[in-house]
Amino acid sequence: MAPLNISYFALAGEAAVFDWQANAVTERRPLGDFWSGLPDEFAGTIDTAVDLGAGGLYVFRGPAYLRIRIADGQVDQGYPLPIVDMWHGVDFDAIDAAMNWGDGKLYFFRGSRYARYDIAADRQDPGYPKEVSAGWKGVDPGWTAGGLDGAVNTGSGRAYLFRGDEYVALDWHTKSQVPGYPLEVAGQWPGVTGPVEAAWSLAAGPPPAGAATAGAAEFYDRYHGFAEPGATQLGVPVLVTLGQAALESDWGRSAPGNNFFGIKAKADDPEETRQLLRTREVLRRPDATFPEVLSVTPRPDGTFEYIVRDWFRRYPSPEESFTHHARFLRDNARYAAAFDHSEDPYAFARAVAAAGYATDPRYPDVLATRMRQIEASH
């Protein structure tokens, strides 16, 4: 199975088709028109849907579910059926969100808990349900307390959980939340408006181990032209620019205000050039100040993890973000040593990280990984 190019969102009785390459909603239709033979009780809203990879989409609402043939969008005869009788071992009275992890397992979410379901064995795995925050590292239990509304595994190394107007990104390999989330759906998923009621996709396989993510080639094709002037005119290697942009924006999925590089702003900058965003910082002091501090958590290494809202730059276009990034590095004395390595992107990247570009201690390693993924994509 290939990584996704389409995802679907249920919004106020409609299905919105999100095209990943276009990075936009390309179609919206009422659920009743989207699928043929949909019972009235499913036409207004659904709780979730999931594809097992065998040609049928399973759609859940309340205590019941139905199966839709993916080939023609027709509801199979004999449905709806009760969840408790047909999904062996699952004791949830309803399913809030569901996701095919691409490794033979499904995940069902209900309230603050989730269950893992083995597709081949056709039953829930022993030891479940568990708390979402226990199985998915870094996900705030307070954020999941009211239940999720949707889940999508992209097959690219990223999966997304949705709750109302917000979402978080998960790393497929570590089953952990990516730093800097949750973010608001609006603005990050163009055309997805209003609280998400459900999210689903066709089944995606596991991401290729050690290779480029599914989005790396597309990311390179879309943005490398913006990175080239910074290399030829200012000496910032294209691979470093693209690696930082891919890391900071999650392959272009999270670039609010066209800020692809997480570049900060000042509170007294012109209003049109700044925006207040949620972010994560790792600092050595427990009393740092920000426009808004949401939490401060001590870490075993003696540092402190902050979840805050801080000022970030806003740009009229992606191209201007890339242009400003190159100039930001070139004109900032703290990064001067990096330009001794303009012919070696990895050494350049290590120097930028050592100069304090990001506070996360994992930043050099994660940045190098993104750069290798981009190299492998073309």
Protein backbone atom coordinates (compact mmCIF):
# COMPACT_ATOMS: atom_id res chain seq x y z
CA MET A 1 0.00 0.00 0.00
CA ALA A 2 1.21 3.47 -0.88
CA PRO A 3 1.17 6.55 1.34
CA LEU A 4 -1.99 8.59 1.23
CA ASN A 5 -2.87 11.21 -1.34
CA ILE A 6 -6.46 11.71 -0.11
CA SER A 7 -8.06 12.04 3.33
CA TYR A 8 -11.68 12.68 4.25
CA PHE A 9 -13.34 14.81 6.92
CA ALA A 10 -16.95 14.82 8.11
CA LEU A 11 -18.03 18.38 8.77
CA ALA A 12 -21.64 19.34 9.56
CA GLY A 13 -23.19 16.51 7.55
CA GLU A 14 -20.78 16.85 4.62
CA ALA A 15 -17.73 14.92 3.49
CA ALA A 16 -14.75 17.10 2.59
CA VAL A 17 -12.10 15.55 0.32
CA PHE A 18 -8.59 16.72 1.25
CA ASP A 19 -5.99 16.32 -1.49
CA TRP A 20 -2.50 16.10 0.04
CA GLN A 21 -0.64 17.15 -3.10
CA ALA A 22 -2.89 20.16 -3.63
CA ASN A 23 -2.85 20.80 0.14
CA ALA A 24 -6.51 21.77 -0.06
CA VAL A 25 -10.08 20.53 0.08
CA THR A 26 -11.06 19.78 -3.50
CA GLU A 27 -14.66 18.63 -3.03
CA ARG A 28 -17.49 18.77 -0.51
CA ARG A 29 -20.70 16.79 -0.67
CA PRO A 30 -23.42 15.73 1.77
CA LEU A 31 -22.68 12.33 3.30
CA GLY A 32 -25.98 11.06 1.88
CA ASP A 33 -24.76 11.87 -1.63
CA PHE A 34 -21.24 10.65 -1.02
CA TRP A 35 -22.32 7.04 -0.37
CA SER A 36 -25.26 5.18 -1.94
CA GLY A 37 -27.83 3.54 0.29
CA LEU A 38 -26.76 5.32 3.45
CA PRO A 39 -29.41 4.92 6.19
CA ASP A 40 -31.01 8.14 7.39
CA GLU A 41 -29.40 7.88 10.83
CA PHE A 42 -25.95 7.85 9.21
CA ALA A 43 -26.66 10.59 6.66
CA GLY A 44 -26.61 13.45 9.16
CA THR A 45 -23.38 12.61 10.93
CA ILE A 46 -21.00 9.74 11.62
CA ASP A 47 -18.55 9.05 14.43
CA THR A 48 -15.69 7.63 12.38
CA ALA A 49 -14.71 5.32 9.53
CA VAL A 50 -11.81 2.96 8.87
CA ASP A 51 -10.53 0.89 5.93
CA LEU A 52 -9.06 -2.54 6.69
CA GLY A 53 -7.41 -2.70 3.28
CA ALA A 54 -9.74 -5.35 1.87
CA GLY A 55 -12.09 -3.22 -0.22
CA GLY A 56 -14.57 -2.22 2.46
CA LEU A 57 -14.90 0.97 4.46
CA TYR A 58 -16.41 0.48 7.93
CA VAL A 59 -18.46 3.45 9.10
CA PHE A 60 -19.48 3.83 12.76
CA ARG A 61 -22.27 5.80 14.39
CA GLY A 62 -23.34 5.25 17.98
CA PRO A 63 -23.58 1.52 18.83
CA ALA A 64 -23.83 0.44 15.17
CA TYR A 65 -21.68 0.29 12.06
CA LEU A 66 -22.05 -0.47 8.37
CA ARG A 67 -19.76 -1.51 5.54
CA ILE A 68 -19.42 0.42 2.28
CA ARG A 69 -17.84 -1.00 -0.86
CA ILE A 70 -14.95 1.31 -1.71
CA ALA A 71 -15.12 0.46 -5.42
CA ASP A 72 -18.62 1.90 -5.94
CA GLY A 73 -19.52 3.67 -2.67
CA GLN A 74 -22.51 1.35 -2.09
CA VAL A 75 -23.60 0.31 1.40
CA ASP A 76 -23.56 -3.50 1.68
CA GLN A 77 -26.82 -5.26 2.39
CA GLY A 78 -27.57 -6.42 5.92
CA TYR A 79 -26.19 -3.35 7.65
CA PRO A 80 -26.17 -1.58 10.13
CA LEU A 81 -25.01 -4.17 12.68
CA PRO A 82 -24.16 -3.74 16.39
CA ILE A 83 -20.52 -3.13 17.24
CA VAL A 84 -20.51 -5.35 20.33
CA ASP A 85 -21.59 -8.47 18.44
CA MET A 86 -19.30 -8.19 15.44
CA TRP A 87 -15.99 -6.69 16.62
CA HIS A 88 -14.75 -9.45 18.89
CA GLY A 89 -13.54 -8.36 22.31
CA VAL A 90 -14.26 -4.66 21.80
CA ASP A 91 -16.31 -3.50 24.76
CA PHE A 92 -16.68 0.14 23.73
CA ASP A 93 -20.31 1.13 23.39
CA ALA A 94 -19.38 3.36 20.46
CA ILE A 95 -16.24 4.36 18.55
CA ASP A 96 -15.11 8.01 18.56
CA ALA A 97 -12.20 7.56 16.13
CA ALA A 98 -10.45 4.71 14.36
CA MET A 99 -7.17 4.31 12.51
CA ASN A 100 -5.45 1.55 10.51
CA TRP A 101 -1.79 1.61 11.59
CA GLY A 102 -0.64 -0.20 8.46
CA ASP A 103 1.01 -3.06 10.35
CA GLY A 104 -1.99 -5.36 10.70
CA LYS A 105 -3.45 -3.46 13.64
CA LEU A 106 -6.41 -1.12 14.01
CA TYR A 107 -6.78 1.40 16.80
CA PHE A 108 -10.22 2.25 18.20
CA PHE A 109 -10.59 5.32 20.41
CA ARG A 110 -13.36 5.98 22.90
CA GLY A 111 -13.22 8.82 25.42
CA SER A 112 -9.74 8.93 26.92
CA ARG A 113 -9.03 5.25 26.11
CA TYR A 114 -8.08 3.22 23.07
CA ALA A 115 -8.02 -0.44 22.04
CA ARG A 116 -5.79 -2.28 19.57
CA TYR A 117 -7.50 -4.70 17.20
CA ASP A 118 -5.72 -7.47 15.29
CA ILE A 119 -7.08 -7.60 11.73
CA ALA A 120 -5.92 -11.13 10.93
CA ALA A 121 -7.12 -12.61 14.23
CA ASP A 122 -10.33 -10.56 14.04
CA ARG A 123 -10.31 -9.64 17.69
CA GLN A 124 -9.10 -7.09 20.21
CA ASP A 125 -5.60 -7.72 21.53
CA PRO A 126 -5.23 -8.73 25.21
CA GLY A 127 -4.50 -5.98 27.72
CA TYR A 128 -6.73 -3.33 26.19
CA PRO A 129 -8.32 -0.77 26.53
CA LYS A 130 -5.59 1.59 27.75
CA GLU A 131 -5.40 5.31 28.32
CA VAL A 132 -4.46 7.18 25.14
CA SER A 133 -1.76 9.08 27.02
CA ALA A 134 -0.21 5.80 28.19
CA GLY A 135 0.08 4.30 24.71
CA TRP A 136 0.91 7.44 22.72
CA LYS A 137 3.83 9.18 24.41
CA GLY A 138 3.56 12.92 24.87
CA VAL A 139 -0.17 13.21 24.19
CA ASP A 140 -1.70 15.34 26.95
CA PRO A 141 -4.30 13.33 28.90
CA GLY A 142 -6.25 16.54 29.40
CA TRP A 143 -6.44 16.98 25.63
CA THR A 144 -7.94 13.51 25.12
CA ALA A 145 -10.22 13.55 28.16
CA GLY A 146 -13.28 14.52 26.16
CA GLY A 147 -12.62 11.96 23.42
CA LEU A 148 -11.14 12.24 19.94
CA ASP A 149 -13.07 13.06 16.78
CA GLY A 150 -10.82 11.59 14.09
CA ALA A 151 -7.54 9.85 13.31
CA VAL A 152 -5.55 9.46 10.09
CA ASN A 153 -2.38 7.44 9.43
CA THR A 154 -0.70 8.86 6.32
CA GLY A 155 1.78 6.06 5.60
CA SER A 156 4.56 8.67 5.50
CA GLY A 157 5.78 8.34 9.08
CA ARG A 158 3.17 10.74 10.42
CA ALA A 159 -0.31 10.17 11.82
CA TYR A 160 -2.77 12.77 13.08
CA LEU A 161 -5.33 12.82 15.89
CA PHE A 162 -8.16 15.36 15.75
CA ARG A 163 -10.32 16.80 18.51
CA GLY A 164 -12.73 19.57 17.67
CA ASP A 165 -10.77 22.52 16.27
CA GLU A 166 -7.33 21.10 17.12
CA TYR A 167 -5.05 18.26 16.07
CA VAL A 168 -1.75 16.65 17.04
CA ALA A 169 0.87 14.87 14.95
CA LEU A 170 2.28 11.46 15.88
CA ASP A 171 5.57 9.89 14.88
CA TRP A 172 4.71 6.47 13.41
CA HIS A 173 7.92 4.75 14.54
CA THR A 174 7.89 5.89 18.17
CA LYS A 175 4.11 6.25 18.66
CA SER A 176 4.80 9.61 20.27
CA GLN A 177 3.47 13.13 19.76
CA VAL A 178 5.62 15.45 17.67
CA PRO A 179 6.71 18.56 19.66
CA GLY A 180 4.79 21.80 19.14
CA TYR A 181 1.25 20.40 19.10
CA PRO A 182 -1.70 20.70 19.39
CA LEU A 183 -2.33 23.21 16.63
CA GLU A 184 -5.58 24.60 15.29
CA VAL A 185 -7.00 22.77 12.28
CA ALA A 186 -7.98 26.04 10.62
CA GLY A 187 -5.10 27.38 8.62
CA GLN A 188 -3.13 24.14 8.79
CA TRP A 189 -5.62 22.13 6.71
CA PRO A 190 -6.88 24.59 4.06
CA GLY A 191 -10.58 24.18 3.46
CA VAL A 192 -11.26 22.09 6.59
CA THR A 193 -13.51 24.47 8.48
CA GLY A 194 -15.37 24.10 11.73
CA PRO A 195 -14.90 21.39 14.33
CA VAL A 196 -13.91 18.03 12.82
CA GLU A 197 -16.64 15.45 13.42
CA ALA A 198 -14.78 12.50 11.87
CA ALA A 199 -11.65 11.87 9.81
CA TRP A 200 -10.65 8.82 7.80
CA SER A 201 -8.73 7.60 4.78
CA LEU A 202 -8.07 4.52 2.74
CA ALA A 203 -5.62 2.12 4.35
CA ALA A 204 -1.96 3.11 4.22
CA GLY A 205 0.97 0.81 4.75
CA PRO A 206 3.91 1.36 7.10
CA PRO A 207 6.44 4.00 6.06
CA PRO A 208 9.55 2.64 4.33
CA ALA A 209 12.24 2.01 6.94
CA GLY A 210 15.31 4.16 6.54
CA ALA A 211 14.09 5.75 3.30
CA ALA A 212 12.59 9.08 2.43
CA THR A 213 9.17 9.87 3.82
CA ALA A 214 6.36 9.82 1.30
CA GLY A 215 6.28 13.60 1.27
CA ALA A 216 10.02 14.19 0.85
CA ALA A 217 10.09 14.05 -2.95
CA GLU A 218 7.02 16.26 -3.26
CA PHE A 219 8.46 18.64 -0.68
CA TYR A 220 11.73 18.89 -2.61
CA ASP A 221 9.96 19.48 -5.91
CA ARG A 222 7.72 22.16 -4.42
CA TYR A 223 10.24 24.15 -2.39
CA HIS A 224 13.81 23.61 -3.59
CA GLY A 225 13.49 26.55 -6.02
CA PHE A 226 12.86 28.85 -3.04
CA ALA A 227 15.98 27.51 -1.30
CA GLU A 228 18.42 27.90 -4.20
CA PRO A 229 18.89 31.72 -4.04
CA GLY A 230 19.94 31.40 -0.40
CA ALA A 231 22.67 28.98 -1.49
CA THR A 232 23.96 30.87 -4.51
CA GLN A 233 23.73 34.36 -3.02
CA LEU A 234 24.32 33.83 0.70
CA GLY A 235 25.97 30.42 1.13
CA VAL A 236 23.20 28.55 2.97
CA PRO A 237 23.17 24.97 1.59
CA VAL A 238 19.91 24.01 -0.12
CA LEU A 239 19.76 20.74 1.83
CA VAL A 240 20.01 22.56 5.16
CA THR A 241 17.27 25.01 4.18
CA LEU A 242 14.95 22.24 3.02
CA GLY A 243 15.75 20.08 6.05
CA GLN A 244 14.95 22.87 8.47
CA ALA A 245 11.78 23.75 6.58
CA ALA A 246 10.64 20.10 6.54
CA LEU A 247 11.36 19.70 10.24
CA GLU A 248 9.88 22.96 11.47
CA SER A 249 6.77 22.77 9.24
CA ASP A 250 6.19 18.98 9.30
CA TRP A 251 6.80 18.68 5.53
CA GLY A 252 4.83 21.85 4.86
CA ARG A 253 1.77 20.68 6.79
CA SER A 254 2.20 23.14 9.67
CA ALA A 255 3.45 26.50 8.43
CA PRO A 256 1.08 29.06 9.98
CA GLY A 257 1.45 32.43 8.36
CA ASN A 258 3.87 30.83 5.84
CA ASN A 259 6.47 30.51 8.62
CA PHE A 260 8.35 27.40 7.50
CA PHE A 261 11.29 27.80 9.89
CA GLY A 262 9.90 28.63 13.31
CA ILE A 263 11.50 32.08 13.24
CA LYS A 264 10.43 34.18 16.21
CA ALA A 265 9.05 37.73 16.18
CA LYS A 266 8.93 40.53 18.75
CA ALA A 267 5.84 41.80 20.47
CA ASP A 268 6.45 45.29 19.05
CA ASP A 269 6.93 44.14 15.44
CA PRO A 270 4.25 45.39 13.02
CA GLU A 271 1.04 43.47 13.65
CA GLU A 272 0.87 42.12 10.11
CA THR A 273 4.31 40.48 10.50
CA ARG A 274 3.72 38.56 13.72
CA GLN A 275 1.43 35.87 15.13
CA LEU A 276 1.01 34.24 18.53
CA LEU A 277 1.49 30.46 18.33
CA ARG A 278 1.73 27.53 20.70
CA THR A 279 5.22 26.02 20.91
CA ARG A 280 7.53 23.86 23.02
CA GLU A 281 10.81 25.05 24.51
CA VAL A 282 13.47 23.25 26.58
CA LEU A 283 15.34 25.67 28.87
CA ARG A 284 17.71 25.48 31.81
CA ARG A 285 15.72 27.86 34.04
CA PRO A 286 12.23 27.41 35.53
CA ASP A 287 11.25 31.09 35.47
CA ALA A 288 11.55 32.17 31.82
CA THR A 289 8.92 34.62 30.61
CA PHE A 290 6.75 34.37 27.50
CA PRO A 291 3.55 36.09 26.37
CA GLU A 292 1.70 33.07 27.81
CA VAL A 293 3.09 30.10 29.74
CA LEU A 294 0.80 27.06 29.61
CA SER A 295 2.98 24.60 31.54
CA VAL A 296 6.52 24.07 32.88
CA THR A 297 7.69 20.49 33.48
CA PRO A 298 11.05 19.51 35.03
CA ARG A 299 13.06 17.00 32.97
CA PRO A 300 15.39 14.29 34.30
CA ASP A 301 18.42 16.07 32.82
CA GLY A 302 17.80 19.17 34.96
CA THR A 303 16.23 21.25 32.20
CA PHE A 304 12.62 22.40 31.97
CA GLU A 305 10.11 21.74 29.23
CA TYR A 306 7.84 24.71 28.53
CA ILE A 307 4.58 24.71 26.60
CA VAL A 308 3.94 28.35 25.77
CA ARG A 309 2.45 30.79 23.32
CA ASP A 310 5.07 33.01 21.75
CA TRP A 311 5.42 35.50 18.90
CA PHE A 312 6.46 34.13 15.50
CA ARG A 313 7.03 35.80 12.15
CA ARG A 314 4.29 35.91 9.55
CA TYR A 315 5.06 36.07 5.79
CA PRO A 316 2.96 36.93 2.73
CA SER A 317 4.19 33.83 0.87
CA PRO A 318 6.36 30.70 1.30
CA GLU A 319 9.01 32.23 -0.96
CA GLU A 320 9.41 35.21 1.36
CA SER A 321 9.75 32.88 4.33
CA PHE A 322 12.62 31.03 2.59
CA THR A 323 14.26 34.31 1.59
CA HIS A 324 14.10 35.69 5.12
CA HIS A 325 15.45 32.44 6.59
CA ALA A 326 18.63 32.62 4.50
CA ARG A 327 19.14 36.28 5.37
CA PHE A 328 18.39 35.54 9.05
CA LEU A 329 21.25 33.02 9.18
CA ARG A 330 23.67 35.15 7.15
CA ASP A 331 23.13 38.35 9.14
CA ASN A 332 23.10 36.79 12.61
CA ALA A 333 26.58 36.70 14.13
CA ARG A 334 25.79 33.64 16.23
CA TYR A 335 25.63 31.53 13.04
CA ALA A 336 28.82 32.93 11.46
CA ALA A 337 30.82 29.74 12.12
CA ALA A 338 28.37 27.72 10.04
CA PHE A 339 29.42 29.54 6.87
CA ASP A 340 32.86 27.94 7.14
CA HIS A 341 31.01 24.78 6.04
CA SER A 342 28.88 25.99 3.12
CA GLU A 343 30.17 23.06 1.03
CA ASP A 344 29.22 20.48 3.69
CA PRO A 345 25.50 20.66 4.51
CA TYR A 346 25.69 18.31 7.50
CA ALA A 347 28.56 20.23 9.10
CA PHE A 348 26.69 23.47 8.39
CA ALA A 349 23.58 22.04 10.06
CA ARG A 350 25.53 20.92 13.13
CA ALA A 351 27.02 24.40 13.49
CA VAL A 352 23.61 26.06 13.23
CA ALA A 353 22.22 23.67 15.85
CA ALA A 354 25.23 24.21 18.15
CA ALA A 355 24.65 27.96 17.93
CA GLY A 356 21.21 27.50 19.47
CA TYR A 357 18.78 27.58 16.56
CA ALA A 358 16.35 25.40 18.57
CA THR A 359 16.13 24.54 22.27
CA ASP A 360 15.21 20.87 21.80
CA PRO A 361 18.33 18.78 22.54
CA ARG A 362 17.27 16.31 19.85
CA TYR A 363 17.29 18.98 17.16
CA PRO A 364 20.66 18.13 15.51
CA ASP A 365 19.77 14.46 15.10
CA VAL A 366 16.23 15.07 13.89
CA LEU A 367 17.42 17.73 11.43
CA ALA A 368 20.05 15.34 10.02
CA THR A 369 17.34 12.70 9.58
CA ARG A 370 15.16 15.10 7.58
CA MET A 371 18.13 16.03 5.41
CA ARG A 372 18.90 12.37 4.69
CA GLN A 373 15.25 11.74 3.81
CA ILE A 374 15.30 14.61 1.32
CA GLU A 375 18.58 13.38 -0.19
CA ALA A 376 17.08 9.92 -0.64
CA SER A 377 13.99 11.29 -2.37
CA HIS A 378 15.58 12.51 -5.59
